[in-house]
Amino acid sequence: GRYADTVVLSFKQIEDLIDGQLPAPAHFEE
């Protein structure tokens, strides 16, 4: 739904969007 070509989200914002915590592997680039 974003029109901007670049969207920057903090881990906290992502967790709010997914309504839960990011899994531990999300703290690794892979």
PDB file of all heavy atoms in Angstrom:
ATOM      1  N   GLY A   1       0.783  -1.224   0.000  1.00  0.00           N
ATOM      2  CA  GLY A   1       0.000   0.000   0.000  1.00  0.00           C
ATOM      3  C   GLY A   1       0.818   1.279   0.000  1.00  0.00           C
ATOM      4  O   GLY A   1       0.248   2.365  -0.045  1.00  0.00           O
ATOM      5  N   ARG A   2       2.139   1.194   0.051  1.00  0.00           N
ATOM      6  CA  ARG A   2       2.989   2.390   0.068  1.00  0.00           C
ATOM      7  C   ARG A   2       3.327   2.799  -1.351  1.00  0.00           C
ATOM      8  O   ARG A   2       3.683   1.965  -2.181  1.00  0.00           O
ATOM      9  CB  ARG A   2       4.294   2.144   0.831  1.00  0.00           C
ATOM     10  CG  ARG A   2       4.113   1.712   2.273  1.00  0.00           C
ATOM     11  CD  ARG A   2       3.706   2.792   3.264  1.00  0.00           C
ATOM     12  NE  ARG A   2       2.390   3.337   3.230  1.00  0.00           N
ATOM     13  CZ  ARG A   2       1.276   2.786   3.748  1.00  0.00           C
ATOM     14  NH1 ARG A   2       1.296   1.591   4.284  1.00  0.00           N
ATOM     15  NH2 ARG A   2       0.134   3.412   3.714  1.00  0.00           N
ATOM     16  N   TYR A   3       3.228   4.092  -1.617  1.00  0.00           N
ATOM     17  CA  TYR A   3       3.567   4.621  -2.939  1.00  0.00           C
ATOM     18  C   TYR A   3       5.050   4.957  -3.052  1.00  0.00           C
ATOM     19  O   TYR A   3       5.591   5.004  -4.150  1.00  0.00           O
ATOM     20  CB  TYR A   3       2.734   5.868  -3.253  1.00  0.00           C
ATOM     21  CG  TYR A   3       1.280   5.522  -3.452  1.00  0.00           C
ATOM     22  CD1 TYR A   3       0.345   5.814  -2.474  1.00  0.00           C
ATOM     23  CD2 TYR A   3       0.843   4.875  -4.606  1.00  0.00           C
ATOM     24  CE1 TYR A   3      -0.986   5.483  -2.640  1.00  0.00           C
ATOM     25  CE2 TYR A   3      -0.480   4.535  -4.782  1.00  0.00           C
ATOM     26  CZ  TYR A   3      -1.396   4.849  -3.803  1.00  0.00           C
ATOM     27  OH  TYR A   3      -2.709   4.517  -3.959  1.00  0.00           O
ATOM     28  N   ALA A   4       5.716   5.201  -1.927  1.00  0.00           N
ATOM     29  CA  ALA A   4       7.138   5.547  -1.932  1.00  0.00           C
ATOM     30  C   ALA A   4       7.953   4.371  -2.461  1.00  0.00           C
ATOM     31  O   ALA A   4       7.638   3.208  -2.193  1.00  0.00           O
ATOM     32  CB  ALA A   4       7.596   5.904  -0.528  1.00  0.00           C
ATOM     33  N   ASP A   5       8.993   4.688  -3.213  1.00  0.00           N
ATOM     34  CA  ASP A   5       9.862   3.639  -3.729  1.00  0.00           C
ATOM     35  C   ASP A   5      10.723   3.022  -2.635  1.00  0.00           C
ATOM     36  O   ASP A   5      11.138   1.880  -2.729  1.00  0.00           O
ATOM     37  CB  ASP A   5      10.765   4.192  -4.835  1.00  0.00           C
ATOM     38  CG  ASP A   5       9.989   4.475  -6.113  1.00  0.00           C
ATOM     39  OD1 ASP A   5       8.924   3.874  -6.325  1.00  0.00           O
ATOM     40  OD2 ASP A   5      10.467   5.312  -6.904  1.00  0.00           O
ATOM     41  N   THR A   6      11.001   3.804  -1.579  1.00  0.00           N
ATOM     42  CA  THR A   6      11.804   3.335  -0.462  1.00  0.00           C
ATOM     43  C   THR A   6      11.001   3.458   0.825  1.00  0.00           C
ATOM     44  O   THR A   6      10.449   4.515   1.115  1.00  0.00           O
ATOM     45  CB  THR A   6      13.097   4.172  -0.322  1.00  0.00           C
ATOM     46  OG1 THR A   6      13.829   4.088  -1.547  1.00  0.00           O
ATOM     47  CG2 THR A   6      13.956   3.666   0.821  1.00  0.00           C
ATOM     48  N   VAL A   7      10.922   2.364   1.561  1.00  0.00           N
ATOM     49  CA  VAL A   7      10.228   2.342   2.852  1.00  0.00           C
ATOM     50  C   VAL A   7      11.219   1.788   3.871  1.00  0.00           C
ATOM     51  O   VAL A   7      11.776   0.704   3.674  1.00  0.00           O
ATOM     52  CB  VAL A   7       8.963   1.453   2.804  1.00  0.00           C
ATOM     53  CG1 VAL A   7       8.318   1.358   4.177  1.00  0.00           C
ATOM     54  CG2 VAL A   7       7.981   1.971   1.768  1.00  0.00           C
ATOM     55  N   VAL A   8      11.455   2.539   4.949  1.00  0.00           N
ATOM     56  CA  VAL A   8      12.344   2.097   6.012  1.00  0.00           C
ATOM     57  C   VAL A   8      11.490   1.814   7.247  1.00  0.00           C
ATOM     58  O   VAL A   8      10.735   2.678   7.697  1.00  0.00           O
ATOM     59  CB  VAL A   8      13.411   3.165   6.346  1.00  0.00           C
ATOM     60  CG1 VAL A   8      14.332   2.660   7.459  1.00  0.00           C
ATOM     61  CG2 VAL A   8      14.210   3.534   5.106  1.00  0.00           C
ATOM     62  N   LEU A   9      11.607   0.596   7.750  1.00  0.00           N
ATOM     63  CA  LEU A   9      10.851   0.193   8.940  1.00  0.00           C
ATOM     64  C   LEU A   9      11.807  -0.341   9.997  1.00  0.00           C
ATOM     65  O   LEU A   9      12.719  -1.115   9.694  1.00  0.00           O
ATOM     66  CB  LEU A   9       9.842  -0.907   8.598  1.00  0.00           C
ATOM     67  CG  LEU A   9       8.711  -0.529   7.646  1.00  0.00           C
ATOM     68  CD1 LEU A   9       7.914  -1.774   7.262  1.00  0.00           C
ATOM     69  CD2 LEU A   9       7.807   0.505   8.284  1.00  0.00           C
ATOM     70  N   SER A  10      11.590   0.077  11.230  1.00  0.00           N
ATOM     71  CA  SER A  10      12.368  -0.482  12.336  1.00  0.00           C
ATOM     72  C   SER A  10      11.854  -1.890  12.621  1.00  0.00           C
ATOM     73  O   SER A  10      10.738  -2.256  12.233  1.00  0.00           O
ATOM     74  CB  SER A  10      12.216   0.397  13.581  1.00  0.00           C
ATOM     75  OG  SER A  10      10.895   0.293  14.089  1.00  0.00           O
ATOM     76  N   PHE A  11      12.660  -2.664  13.309  1.00  0.00           N
ATOM     77  CA  PHE A  11      12.214  -3.998  13.708  1.00  0.00           C
ATOM     78  C   PHE A  11      10.916  -3.896  14.509  1.00  0.00           C
ATOM     79  O   PHE A  11      10.003  -4.696  14.340  1.00  0.00           O
ATOM     80  CB  PHE A  11      13.280  -4.707  14.533  1.00  0.00           C
ATOM     81  CG  PHE A  11      14.415  -5.299  13.732  1.00  0.00           C
ATOM     82  CD1 PHE A  11      14.624  -5.001  12.394  1.00  0.00           C
ATOM     83  CD2 PHE A  11      15.293  -6.178  14.329  1.00  0.00           C
ATOM     84  CE1 PHE A  11      15.664  -5.562  11.677  1.00  0.00           C
ATOM     85  CE2 PHE A  11      16.343  -6.754  13.626  1.00  0.00           C
ATOM     86  CZ  PHE A  11      16.523  -6.439  12.301  1.00  0.00           C
ATOM     87  N   LYS A  12      10.828  -2.881  15.380  1.00  0.00           N
ATOM     88  CA  LYS A  12       9.624  -2.691  16.199  1.00  0.00           C
ATOM     89  C   LYS A  12       8.409  -2.434  15.317  1.00  0.00           C
ATOM     90  O   LYS A  12       7.325  -2.983  15.557  1.00  0.00           O
ATOM     91  CB  LYS A  12       9.850  -1.538  17.188  1.00  0.00           C
ATOM     92  CG  LYS A  12       8.616  -1.131  17.957  1.00  0.00           C
ATOM     93  CD  LYS A  12       8.204  -2.207  18.956  1.00  0.00           C
ATOM     94  CE  LYS A  12       7.087  -1.716  19.849  1.00  0.00           C
ATOM     95  NZ  LYS A  12       5.852  -2.447  19.701  1.00  0.00           N
ATOM     96  N   GLN A  13       8.561  -1.597  14.299  1.00  0.00           N
ATOM     97  CA  GLN A  13       7.444  -1.318  13.394  1.00  0.00           C
ATOM     98  C   GLN A  13       7.020  -2.589  12.652  1.00  0.00           C
ATOM     99  O   GLN A  13       5.827  -2.833  12.469  1.00  0.00           O
ATOM    100  CB  GLN A  13       7.818  -0.224  12.393  1.00  0.00           C
ATOM    101  CG  GLN A  13       7.944   1.145  13.023  1.00  0.00           C
ATOM    102  CD  GLN A  13       8.548   2.157  12.072  1.00  0.00           C
ATOM    103  OE1 GLN A  13       9.582   1.916  11.456  1.00  0.00           O
ATOM    104  NE2 GLN A  13       7.887   3.301  11.949  1.00  0.00           N
ATOM    105  N   ILE A  14       7.992  -3.391  12.253  1.00  0.00           N
ATOM    106  CA  ILE A  14       7.672  -4.649  11.577  1.00  0.00           C
ATOM    107  C   ILE A  14       6.927  -5.568  12.535  1.00  0.00           C
ATOM    108  O   ILE A  14       5.929  -6.193  12.170  1.00  0.00           O
ATOM    109  CB  ILE A  14       8.942  -5.317  11.019  1.00  0.00           C
ATOM    110  CG1 ILE A  14       9.545  -4.446   9.904  1.00  0.00           C
ATOM    111  CG2 ILE A  14       8.641  -6.728  10.510  1.00  0.00           C
ATOM    112  CD1 ILE A  14      10.930  -4.876   9.462  1.00  0.00           C
ATOM    113  N   GLU A  15       7.397  -5.626  13.772  1.00  0.00           N
ATOM    114  CA  GLU A  15       6.723  -6.465  14.772  1.00  0.00           C
ATOM    115  C   GLU A  15       5.292  -5.989  15.017  1.00  0.00           C
ATOM    116  O   GLU A  15       4.390  -6.807  15.196  1.00  0.00           O
ATOM    117  CB  GLU A  15       7.527  -6.480  16.065  1.00  0.00           C
ATOM    118  CG  GLU A  15       8.811  -7.279  15.922  1.00  0.00           C
ATOM    119  CD  GLU A  15       9.724  -7.209  17.131  1.00  0.00           C
ATOM    120  OE1 GLU A  15       9.625  -6.256  17.932  1.00  0.00           O
ATOM    121  OE2 GLU A  15      10.558  -8.130  17.267  1.00  0.00           O
ATOM    122  N   ASP A  16       5.071  -4.695  14.983  1.00  0.00           N
ATOM    123  CA  ASP A  16       3.702  -4.176  15.117  1.00  0.00           C
ATOM    124  C   ASP A  16       2.849  -4.614  13.932  1.00  0.00           C
ATOM    125  O   ASP A  16       1.682  -4.973  14.100  1.00  0.00           O
ATOM    126  CB  ASP A  16       3.711  -2.645  15.221  1.00  0.00           C
ATOM    127  CG  ASP A  16       4.243  -2.145  16.558  1.00  0.00           C
ATOM    128  OD1 ASP A  16       4.365  -2.955  17.510  1.00  0.00           O
ATOM    129  OD2 ASP A  16       4.552  -0.938  16.635  1.00  0.00           O
ATOM    130  N   LEU A  17       3.435  -4.598  12.741  1.00  0.00           N
ATOM    131  CA  LEU A  17       2.687  -4.991  11.547  1.00  0.00           C
ATOM    132  C   LEU A  17       2.367  -6.482  11.519  1.00  0.00           C
ATOM    133  O   LEU A  17       1.317  -6.883  11.022  1.00  0.00           O
ATOM    134  CB  LEU A  17       3.468  -4.612  10.280  1.00  0.00           C
ATOM    135  CG  LEU A  17       3.559  -3.120   9.986  1.00  0.00           C
ATOM    136  CD1 LEU A  17       4.595  -2.849   8.897  1.00  0.00           C
ATOM    137  CD2 LEU A  17       2.187  -2.572   9.574  1.00  0.00           C
ATOM    138  N   ILE A  18       3.280  -7.295  12.047  1.00  0.00           N
ATOM    139  CA  ILE A  18       3.037  -8.745  12.038  1.00  0.00           C
ATOM    140  C   ILE A  18       2.375  -9.199  13.332  1.00  0.00           C
ATOM    141  O   ILE A  18       2.099 -10.382  13.497  1.00  0.00           O
ATOM    142  CB  ILE A  18       4.327  -9.550  11.758  1.00  0.00           C
ATOM    143  CG1 ILE A  18       5.353  -9.394  12.881  1.00  0.00           C
ATOM    144  CG2 ILE A  18       4.914  -9.179  10.400  1.00  0.00           C
ATOM    145  CD1 ILE A  18       6.556 -10.317  12.769  1.00  0.00           C
ATOM    146  N   ASP A  19       2.149  -8.253  14.227  1.00  0.00           N
ATOM    147  CA  ASP A  19       1.477  -8.538  15.499  1.00  0.00           C
ATOM    148  C   ASP A  19       2.185  -9.644  16.274  1.00  0.00           C
ATOM    149  O   ASP A  19       1.570 -10.593  16.760  1.00  0.00           O
ATOM    150  CB  ASP A  19       0.008  -8.897  15.249  1.00  0.00           C
ATOM    151  CG  ASP A  19      -0.825  -8.775  16.521  1.00  0.00           C
ATOM    152  OD1 ASP A  19      -0.462  -7.966  17.402  1.00  0.00           O
ATOM    153  OD2 ASP A  19      -1.834  -9.499  16.642  1.00  0.00           O
ATOM    154  N   GLY A  20       3.509  -9.515  16.349  1.00  0.00           N
ATOM    155  CA  GLY A  20       4.302 -10.486  17.082  1.00  0.00           C
ATOM    156  C   GLY A  20       5.770 -10.153  16.950  1.00  0.00           C
ATOM    157  O   GLY A  20       6.146  -9.230  16.230  1.00  0.00           O
ATOM    158  N   GLN A  21       6.607 -10.913  17.628  1.00  0.00           N
ATOM    159  CA  GLN A  21       8.039 -10.685  17.562  1.00  0.00           C
ATOM    160  C   GLN A  21       8.645 -11.325  16.324  1.00  0.00           C
ATOM    161  O   GLN A  21       8.180 -12.376  15.867  1.00  0.00           O
ATOM    162  CB  GLN A  21       8.723 -11.254  18.799  1.00  0.00           C
ATOM    163  CG  GLN A  21       8.435 -10.475  20.052  1.00  0.00           C
ATOM    164  CD  GLN A  21       9.309 -10.958  21.197  1.00  0.00           C
ATOM    165  OE1 GLN A  21       9.676 -12.126  21.267  1.00  0.00           O
ATOM    166  NE2 GLN A  21       9.646 -10.049  22.089  1.00  0.00           N
ATOM    167  N   LEU A  22       9.672 -10.660  15.796  1.00  0.00           N
ATOM    168  CA  LEU A  22      10.444 -11.281  14.730  1.00  0.00           C
ATOM    169  C   LEU A  22      11.172 -12.482  15.325  1.00  0.00           C
ATOM    170  O   LEU A  22      11.613 -12.436  16.480  1.00  0.00           O
ATOM    171  CB  LEU A  22      11.464 -10.291  14.166  1.00  0.00           C
ATOM    172  CG  LEU A  22      10.902  -9.207  13.251  1.00  0.00           C
ATOM    173  CD1 LEU A  22      11.939  -8.110  13.016  1.00  0.00           C
ATOM    174  CD2 LEU A  22      10.456  -9.808  11.934  1.00  0.00           C
ATOM    175  N   PRO A  23      11.309 -13.546  14.564  1.00  0.00           N
ATOM    176  CA  PRO A  23      12.018 -14.714  15.089  1.00  0.00           C
ATOM    177  C   PRO A  23      13.512 -14.404  15.255  1.00  0.00           C
ATOM    178  O   PRO A  23      14.050 -13.490  14.620  1.00  0.00           O
ATOM    179  CB  PRO A  23      11.777 -15.780  14.019  1.00  0.00           C
ATOM    180  CG  PRO A  23      11.491 -15.021  12.782  1.00  0.00           C
ATOM    181  CD  PRO A  23      10.822 -13.750  13.205  1.00  0.00           C
ATOM    182  N   ALA A  24      14.183 -15.144  16.087  1.00  0.00           N
ATOM    183  CA  ALA A  24      15.612 -14.943  16.351  1.00  0.00           C
ATOM    184  C   ALA A  24      16.452 -14.884  15.069  1.00  0.00           C
ATOM    185  O   ALA A  24      17.351 -14.049  14.970  1.00  0.00           O
ATOM    186  CB  ALA A  24      16.125 -16.024  17.289  1.00  0.00           C
ATOM    187  N   PRO A  25      16.192 -15.712  14.054  1.00  0.00           N
ATOM    188  CA  PRO A  25      16.999 -15.639  12.832  1.00  0.00           C
ATOM    189  C   PRO A  25      16.894 -14.294  12.100  1.00  0.00           C
ATOM    190  O   PRO A  25      17.751 -13.972  11.279  1.00  0.00           O
ATOM    191  CB  PRO A  25      16.445 -16.777  11.963  1.00  0.00           C
ATOM    192  CG  PRO A  25      15.855 -17.733  12.932  1.00  0.00           C
ATOM    193  CD  PRO A  25      15.298 -16.885  14.036  1.00  0.00           C
ATOM    194  N   ALA A  26      15.876 -13.490  12.398  1.00  0.00           N
ATOM    195  CA  ALA A  26      15.725 -12.182  11.738  1.00  0.00           C
ATOM    196  C   ALA A  26      16.836 -11.222  12.139  1.00  0.00           C
ATOM    197  O   ALA A  26      16.998 -10.167  11.525  1.00  0.00           O
ATOM    198  CB  ALA A  26      14.365 -11.580  12.072  1.00  0.00           C
ATOM    199  N   HIS A  27      17.623 -11.587  13.123  1.00  0.00           N
ATOM    200  CA  HIS A  27      18.741 -10.752  13.556  1.00  0.00           C
ATOM    201  C   HIS A  27      20.027 -11.105  12.819  1.00  0.00           C
ATOM    202  O   HIS A  27      21.115 -10.689  13.222  1.00  0.00           O
ATOM    203  CB  HIS A  27      18.903 -10.852  15.072  1.00  0.00           C
ATOM    204  CG  HIS A  27      17.679 -10.355  15.789  1.00  0.00           C
ATOM    205  ND1 HIS A  27      17.468  -9.027  16.060  1.00  0.00           N
ATOM    206  CD2 HIS A  27      16.567 -11.004  16.219  1.00  0.00           C
ATOM    207  CE1 HIS A  27      16.295  -8.880  16.660  1.00  0.00           C
ATOM    208  NE2 HIS A  27      15.738 -10.068  16.765  1.00  0.00           N
ATOM    209  N   PHE A  28      19.876 -11.852  11.710  1.00  0.00           N
ATOM    210  CA  PHE A  28      20.986 -12.219  10.838  1.00  0.00           C
ATOM    211  C   PHE A  28      20.608 -11.869   9.402  1.00  0.00           C
ATOM    212  O   PHE A  28      19.449 -12.039   8.991  1.00  0.00           O
ATOM    213  CB  PHE A  28      21.300 -13.721  10.942  1.00  0.00           C
ATOM    214  CG  PHE A  28      21.727 -14.131  12.320  1.00  0.00           C
ATOM    215  CD1 PHE A  28      20.802 -14.629  13.230  1.00  0.00           C
ATOM    216  CD2 PHE A  28      23.052 -13.999  12.720  1.00  0.00           C
ATOM    217  CE1 PHE A  28      21.182 -14.994  14.513  1.00  0.00           C
ATOM    218  CE2 PHE A  28      23.443 -14.358  14.002  1.00  0.00           C
ATOM    219  CZ  PHE A  28      22.515 -14.861  14.894  1.00  0.00           C
ATOM    220  N   GLU A  29      21.567 -11.371   8.628  1.00  0.00           N
ATOM    221  CA  GLU A  29      21.297 -10.921   7.259  1.00  0.00           C
ATOM    222  C   GLU A  29      20.682 -12.004   6.370  1.00  0.00           C
ATOM    223  O   GLU A  29      19.850 -11.706   5.519  1.00  0.00           O
ATOM    224  CB  GLU A  29      22.581 -10.396   6.613  1.00  0.00           C
ATOM    225  CG  GLU A  29      23.038  -9.126   7.261  1.00  0.00           C
ATOM    226  CD  GLU A  29      23.617  -8.126   6.296  1.00  0.00           C
ATOM    227  OE1 GLU A  29      23.355  -8.223   5.090  1.00  0.00           O
ATOM    228  OE2 GLU A  29      24.325  -7.246   6.775  1.00  0.00           O
ATOM    229  N   GLU A  30      21.101 -13.242   6.571  1.00  0.00           N
ATOM    230  CA  GLU A  30      20.617 -14.324   5.714  1.00  0.00           C
ATOM    231  C   GLU A  30      19.095 -14.445   5.732  1.00  0.00           C
ATOM    232  O   GLU A  30      18.478 -14.823   4.744  1.00  0.00           O
ATOM    233  CB  GLU A  30      21.235 -15.659   6.138  1.00  0.00           C
ATOM    234  CG  GLU A  30      22.733 -15.728   6.002  1.00  0.00           C
ATOM    235  CD  GLU A  30      23.481 -15.051   7.151  1.00  0.00           C
ATOM    236  OE1 GLU A  30      22.895 -14.859   8.248  1.00  0.00           O
ATOM    237  OE2 GLU A  30      24.656 -14.699   6.946  1.00  0.00           O
TER     238      GLU A  30
END
